[in-house]
């Protein structure tokens, strides 16, 4: 499996066309789950684990992987199931989320599937698990995509506090006195809550959408009702990249393609990171890119962007 993932760079052309690749895996039982390949650094048989004092109950231990000490989280337990057994027969998916590297212990890893974001749907209302962020169908079977940001937040919460320096910048900028309206698009409820909390000092009216298509439809509806240019009413969109139905790259391209949405600035705010994303920012015409989750960087970027929109 690791040799398959070594070829991931050759697949970057899929992104920007509302396409991506999904790594399929199983936990305990027959249910299939998926994770975006671009968040995966490596897949390997579960290495030897050692415990540390004060570990969270769902962290099975830490492992040395390529000279890095990485926490290994039991994904099945983290979403409400039992701890996985027979670790020597299990696999670890090494991932990068929110500027952190961690491993997820899973029962089995299957294969990589080329997907279109239009085939990834929000979870149905009343879905049993609160950890679902999207679903799709592969080989006539339901595949669940988990809200990994929620899992990580419950195990190791990120601070949403702003530094004193950024608070001073906000106060001197005067942005909080303008009562701007912005649109925030993210399929993770936890990510939406984190971003909204961090932006509170800016005194914004924050409208939320849970995927790119919902965000685009909202903007188009507002443009039809707005007497003047929409960017004067909604100057800024903050968008996740990975979202059901329409990803953030495609959403950004659509905004720049439509005359009625001209002038709206876009910040891509995503747990994906690396040089690849910087290239995609330029390709789709986004005005900024911020890797999750740094409250200081997010708030400062939004403040700067709104000041520049006057």
Protein backbone atom coordinates (compact mmCIF):
# COMPACT_ATOMS: atom_id res chain seq x y z
CA UNK A 1 0.00 0.00 0.00
CA UNK A 2 2.83 2.43 0.81
CA UNK A 3 4.21 1.99 -2.73
CA UNK A 4 0.82 2.99 -4.13
CA UNK A 5 0.83 6.15 -2.01
CA UNK A 6 4.32 7.03 -3.26
CA UNK A 7 2.73 7.94 -6.60
CA UNK A 8 0.35 10.48 -5.06
CA UNK A 9 2.12 13.47 -6.66
CA UNK A 10 1.13 12.23 -10.10
CA UNK A 11 -2.53 12.57 -9.11
CA UNK A 12 -2.56 16.26 -8.21
CA UNK A 13 -4.16 17.14 -11.56
CA UNK A 14 -7.42 15.63 -10.25
CA UNK A 15 -7.83 18.46 -7.77
CA UNK A 16 -9.31 21.62 -9.22
CA UNK A 17 -11.59 19.44 -11.34
CA UNK A 18 -13.74 18.61 -8.30
CA UNK A 19 -12.01 15.22 -8.13
CA UNK A 20 -9.85 13.49 -5.53
CA UNK A 21 -8.79 10.04 -4.40
CA UNK A 22 -10.21 8.15 -1.46
CA UNK A 23 -8.32 5.54 0.56
CA UNK A 24 -10.77 2.87 1.74
CA UNK A 25 -10.34 1.15 5.10
CA UNK A 26 -12.33 -0.84 7.65
CA UNK A 27 -12.57 -0.66 11.39
CA UNK A 28 -14.33 -3.41 13.36
CA UNK A 29 -16.88 -5.09 11.15
CA UNK A 30 -17.79 -4.79 7.49
CA UNK A 31 -18.50 -1.05 7.32
CA UNK A 32 -16.15 0.77 4.94
CA UNK A 33 -14.66 4.19 5.63
CA UNK A 34 -12.69 6.59 3.49
CA UNK A 35 -9.99 9.25 3.87
CA UNK A 36 -8.60 11.66 1.29
CA UNK A 37 -5.25 10.39 0.00
CA UNK A 38 -3.76 13.87 0.28
CA UNK A 39 -4.01 13.65 4.07
CA UNK A 40 -2.18 10.33 4.12
CA UNK A 41 1.59 10.20 4.46
CA UNK A 42 1.97 6.47 4.77
CA UNK A 43 0.16 3.20 5.47
CA UNK A 44 2.01 0.48 7.37
CA UNK A 45 1.43 -2.58 9.57
CA UNK A 46 0.99 -1.51 13.17
CA UNK A 47 4.50 -0.96 14.58
CA UNK A 48 5.50 -1.69 18.19
CA UNK A 49 3.76 0.74 20.53
CA UNK A 50 4.81 2.02 23.91
CA UNK A 51 2.67 3.77 26.46
CA UNK A 52 3.24 7.15 28.05
CA UNK A 53 1.84 8.54 31.31
CA UNK A 54 -1.37 10.51 30.92
CA UNK A 55 -2.26 9.23 27.46
CA UNK A 56 -5.86 9.58 26.33
CA UNK A 57 -7.77 6.31 26.58
CA UNK A 58 -8.13 6.12 22.79
CA UNK A 59 -4.40 6.59 22.17
CA UNK A 60 -2.99 3.08 22.08
CA UNK A 61 0.60 4.28 22.37
CA UNK A 62 3.32 6.06 20.48
CA UNK A 63 5.49 4.68 17.70
CA UNK A 64 8.76 5.66 16.07
CA UNK A 65 8.07 6.16 12.37
CA UNK A 66 10.95 7.48 10.26
CA UNK A 67 12.65 9.11 13.27
CA UNK A 68 9.42 10.79 14.41
CA UNK A 69 7.44 9.93 17.54
CA UNK A 70 3.77 9.66 16.54
CA UNK A 71 0.67 9.07 18.64
CA UNK A 72 -1.44 6.14 17.42
CA UNK A 73 -5.19 6.68 17.87
CA UNK A 74 -7.61 3.77 17.86
CA UNK A 75 -10.13 5.09 15.34
CA UNK A 76 -12.78 2.51 16.17
CA UNK A 77 -12.76 3.44 19.85
CA UNK A 78 -12.59 7.17 19.06
CA UNK A 79 -15.93 7.05 17.25
CA UNK A 80 -17.68 5.11 19.99
CA UNK A 81 -16.74 1.49 19.30
CA UNK A 82 -14.56 -1.03 21.08
CA UNK A 83 -10.78 -1.00 21.16
CA UNK A 84 -9.28 -2.93 18.27
CA UNK A 85 -7.59 -6.21 19.21
CA UNK A 86 -4.65 -8.21 17.84
CA UNK A 87 -2.61 -5.12 17.02
CA UNK A 88 0.05 -7.13 15.21
CA UNK A 89 -2.59 -7.86 12.56
CA UNK A 90 -3.79 -4.25 12.25
CA UNK A 91 -2.67 -1.28 10.16
CA UNK A 92 -1.82 2.34 10.88
CA UNK A 93 -2.67 5.23 8.55
CA UNK A 94 -0.18 8.04 9.14
CA UNK A 95 -1.90 11.36 8.43
CA UNK A 96 -1.37 15.11 8.58
CA UNK A 97 -4.27 17.13 9.99
CA UNK A 98 -4.22 20.66 11.34
CA UNK A 99 -0.42 20.94 11.24
CA UNK A 100 -0.05 17.75 13.29
CA UNK A 101 1.03 14.25 12.38
CA UNK A 102 -0.81 11.31 13.92
CA UNK A 103 -1.53 7.69 13.16
CA UNK A 104 -4.96 6.06 13.07
CA UNK A 105 -5.17 2.40 14.00
CA UNK A 106 -7.59 0.55 11.68
CA UNK A 107 -8.49 -3.07 11.13
CA UNK A 108 -7.73 -3.30 7.42
CA UNK A 109 -6.80 -1.07 4.48
CA UNK A 110 -8.27 -1.84 1.06
CA UNK A 111 -7.54 0.33 -1.98
CA UNK A 112 -7.57 3.81 -3.48
CA UNK A 113 -10.59 4.98 -5.49
CA UNK A 114 -10.70 7.92 -7.91
CA UNK A 115 -13.79 9.95 -6.95
CA UNK A 116 -15.75 13.04 -7.95
CA UNK A 117 -16.78 15.35 -5.11
CA UNK A 118 -20.26 15.45 -6.65
CA UNK A 119 -20.60 11.79 -5.62
CA UNK A 120 -19.76 12.61 -2.01
CA UNK A 121 -22.93 13.61 -0.18
CA UNK A 122 -23.64 15.10 3.24
CA UNK A 123 -24.73 12.48 5.77
CA UNK A 124 -28.48 11.86 5.82
CA UNK A 125 -30.45 13.62 8.51
CA UNK A 126 -30.83 11.43 11.55
CA UNK A 127 -27.65 9.48 10.76
CA UNK A 128 -26.69 7.37 13.75
CA UNK A 129 -23.11 8.61 14.12
CA UNK A 130 -22.23 12.18 15.05
CA UNK A 131 -18.78 11.58 13.56
CA UNK A 132 -19.95 11.43 9.94
CA UNK A 133 -19.07 14.33 7.68
CA UNK A 134 -20.05 12.72 4.36
CA UNK A 135 -21.11 9.46 2.69
CA UNK A 136 -20.78 7.90 -0.74
CA UNK A 137 -21.53 4.61 -2.45
CA UNK A 138 -18.86 2.28 -3.87
CA UNK A 139 -19.56 -1.21 -5.20
CA UNK A 140 -23.17 -0.86 -4.02
CA UNK A 141 -21.95 -0.36 -0.45
CA UNK A 142 -22.18 2.74 1.72
CA UNK A 143 -18.81 4.30 2.53
CA UNK A 144 -18.63 6.69 5.49
CA UNK A 145 -16.23 9.63 5.64
CA UNK A 146 -15.48 10.58 9.22
CA UNK A 147 -15.12 14.02 10.76
CA UNK A 148 -11.50 13.51 11.73
CA UNK A 149 -11.27 17.08 13.02
CA UNK A 150 -13.97 16.22 15.56
CA UNK A 151 -12.07 13.09 16.61
CA UNK A 152 -8.85 15.04 17.10
CA UNK A 153 -10.63 17.86 18.92
CA UNK A 154 -12.06 15.44 21.47
CA UNK A 155 -8.68 13.79 22.08
CA UNK A 156 -6.41 16.85 21.96
CA UNK A 157 -8.41 20.10 21.72
CA UNK A 158 -6.76 23.06 20.01
CA UNK A 159 -6.76 26.40 21.76
CA UNK A 160 -8.93 29.05 20.18
CA UNK A 161 -7.40 31.89 22.18
CA UNK A 162 -5.85 34.85 20.39
CA UNK A 163 -2.46 36.25 21.32
CA UNK A 164 -2.25 39.71 22.86
CA UNK A 165 -0.46 41.00 19.76
CA UNK A 166 -3.34 39.98 17.45
CA UNK A 167 -5.93 41.41 19.85
CA UNK A 168 -4.06 44.73 19.73
CA UNK A 169 -3.95 44.60 15.92
CA UNK A 170 -7.73 44.05 15.80
CA UNK A 171 -8.40 46.94 18.14
CA UNK A 172 -6.23 49.34 16.16
CA UNK A 173 -7.62 48.25 12.77
CA UNK A 174 -11.18 49.35 13.44
CA UNK A 175 -12.56 46.31 11.58
CA UNK A 176 -14.75 45.38 14.54
CA UNK A 177 -16.60 48.68 14.15
CA UNK A 178 -17.64 47.99 10.55
CA UNK A 179 -19.98 45.00 11.21
CA UNK A 180 -18.93 43.07 8.12
CA UNK A 181 -20.83 40.04 6.84
CA UNK A 182 -18.77 37.05 5.70
CA UNK A 183 -19.52 33.50 4.52
CA UNK A 184 -17.84 30.52 6.17
CA UNK A 185 -18.00 27.13 4.40
CA UNK A 186 -16.87 23.90 6.07
CA UNK A 187 -18.37 20.41 6.35
CA UNK A 188 -16.95 19.86 9.84
CA UNK A 189 -19.17 21.17 12.64
CA UNK A 190 -16.16 21.37 14.93
CA UNK A 191 -14.18 23.39 12.39
CA UNK A 192 -17.11 25.79 11.94
CA UNK A 193 -17.37 26.28 15.69
CA UNK A 194 -13.62 26.82 16.07
CA UNK A 195 -13.49 29.40 13.28
CA UNK A 196 -16.59 31.27 14.45
CA UNK A 197 -15.26 31.47 18.02
CA UNK A 198 -11.89 32.80 16.86
CA UNK A 199 -13.56 35.44 14.68
CA UNK A 200 -15.81 36.77 17.46
CA UNK A 201 -13.51 39.71 18.33
CA UNK A 202 -13.98 41.04 14.77
CA UNK A 203 -17.70 41.53 15.46
CA UNK A 204 -18.69 39.88 12.18
CA UNK A 205 -22.01 38.56 10.96
CA UNK A 206 -20.95 35.02 10.02
CA UNK A 207 -23.14 33.02 7.62
CA UNK A 208 -22.29 29.31 7.44
CA UNK A 209 -22.54 26.67 4.73
CA UNK A 210 -21.66 22.99 5.04
CA UNK A 211 -20.33 22.43 1.51
CA UNK A 212 -19.20 24.28 -1.58
CA UNK A 213 -22.42 23.88 -3.52
CA UNK A 214 -24.48 25.25 -0.64
CA UNK A 215 -22.10 28.22 -0.36
CA UNK A 216 -22.28 28.95 -4.09
CA UNK A 217 -26.07 28.75 -4.15
CA UNK A 218 -26.28 31.11 -1.18
CA UNK A 219 -24.05 33.67 -2.90
CA UNK A 220 -25.98 33.45 -6.18
CA UNK A 221 -29.29 33.92 -4.36
CA UNK A 222 -27.92 36.91 -2.49
CA UNK A 223 -26.57 38.38 -5.74
CA UNK A 224 -30.05 38.23 -7.29
CA UNK A 225 -31.53 40.11 -4.34
CA UNK A 226 -28.70 42.61 -3.86
CA UNK A 227 -29.20 46.05 -5.41
CA UNK A 228 -25.49 46.72 -5.83
CA UNK A 229 -22.36 44.55 -6.23
CA UNK A 230 -22.54 41.61 -3.83
CA UNK A 231 -18.96 42.08 -2.64
CA UNK A 232 -20.08 45.28 -0.92
CA UNK A 233 -22.45 43.21 1.22
CA UNK A 234 -20.39 40.01 1.52
CA UNK A 235 -16.75 40.91 0.87
CA UNK A 236 -15.18 37.64 2.01
CA UNK A 237 -15.60 33.88 1.87
CA UNK A 238 -13.57 31.55 4.09
CA UNK A 239 -13.76 28.03 2.68
CA UNK A 240 -12.54 24.58 3.57
CA UNK A 241 -11.08 22.63 0.65
CA UNK A 242 -12.52 19.14 1.24
CA UNK A 243 -16.31 19.28 1.16
CA UNK A 244 -19.12 17.09 -0.22
CA UNK A 245 -20.65 17.91 -3.60
CA UNK A 246 -18.22 20.74 -4.41
CA UNK A 247 -14.72 21.27 -3.03
CA UNK A 248 -13.20 24.61 -2.09
CA UNK A 249 -11.01 24.82 -5.18
CA UNK A 250 -14.00 24.40 -7.50
CA UNK A 251 -16.03 26.84 -5.41
CA UNK A 252 -13.27 29.45 -5.76
CA UNK A 253 -13.10 28.94 -9.52
CA UNK A 254 -16.89 29.31 -9.78
CA UNK A 255 -16.83 32.57 -7.83
CA UNK A 256 -14.20 34.06 -10.12
CA UNK A 257 -16.00 32.77 -13.21
CA UNK A 258 -19.34 34.44 -12.41
CA UNK A 259 -19.58 38.16 -13.03
CA UNK A 260 -22.20 38.71 -10.31
CA UNK A 261 -19.73 37.38 -7.73
CA UNK A 262 -16.74 39.41 -8.88
CA UNK A 263 -14.91 41.16 -6.09
CA UNK A 264 -15.60 38.59 -3.37
CA UNK A 265 -12.29 37.58 -1.82
CA UNK A 266 -11.60 33.95 -0.90
CA UNK A 267 -9.42 32.52 1.85
CA UNK A 268 -8.95 28.75 1.69
CA UNK A 269 -8.79 27.39 5.24
CA UNK A 270 -7.95 23.71 5.28
CA UNK A 271 -6.30 20.89 7.22
CA UNK A 272 -4.50 19.98 4.00
CA UNK A 273 -1.06 21.55 3.87
CA UNK A 274 2.09 21.69 1.80
CA UNK A 275 3.51 23.14 -1.41
CA UNK A 276 0.76 21.48 -3.44
CA UNK A 277 -1.89 23.70 -1.89
CA UNK A 278 0.12 26.86 -2.53
CA UNK A 279 0.16 25.93 -6.22
CA UNK A 280 -3.59 25.28 -6.20
CA UNK A 281 -4.25 28.67 -4.57
CA UNK A 282 -2.61 30.36 -7.55
CA UNK A 283 -4.34 28.08 -10.04
CA UNK A 284 -7.88 28.79 -8.84
CA UNK A 285 -7.27 32.43 -7.94
CA UNK A 286 -7.81 32.32 -4.18
CA UNK A 287 -6.67 35.40 -2.29
CA UNK A 288 -5.10 33.45 0.54
CA UNK A 289 -4.40 30.04 2.05
CA UNK A 290 -4.23 29.22 5.76
CA UNK A 291 -3.55 25.76 7.14
CA UNK A 292 -5.81 24.84 10.07
CA UNK A 293 -5.80 25.67 12.83
CA UNK A 294 -4.10 28.87 13.97
CA UNK A 295 -6.56 31.40 15.43
CA UNK A 296 -3.97 34.18 15.18
CA UNK A 297 -3.25 33.56 11.50
CA UNK A 298 -6.93 33.22 10.61
CA UNK A 299 -8.07 36.36 12.42
CA UNK A 300 -5.15 38.47 11.19
CA UNK A 301 -5.72 37.35 7.58
CA UNK A 302 -9.44 38.12 7.79
CA UNK A 303 -8.77 41.52 9.37
CA UNK A 304 -6.23 42.40 6.66
CA UNK A 305 -8.53 41.18 3.90
CA UNK A 306 -11.51 43.16 5.15
CA UNK A 307 -9.45 46.34 5.53
CA UNK A 308 -8.34 45.91 1.94
CA UNK A 309 -11.96 45.54 0.78
CA UNK A 310 -12.93 49.09 1.82
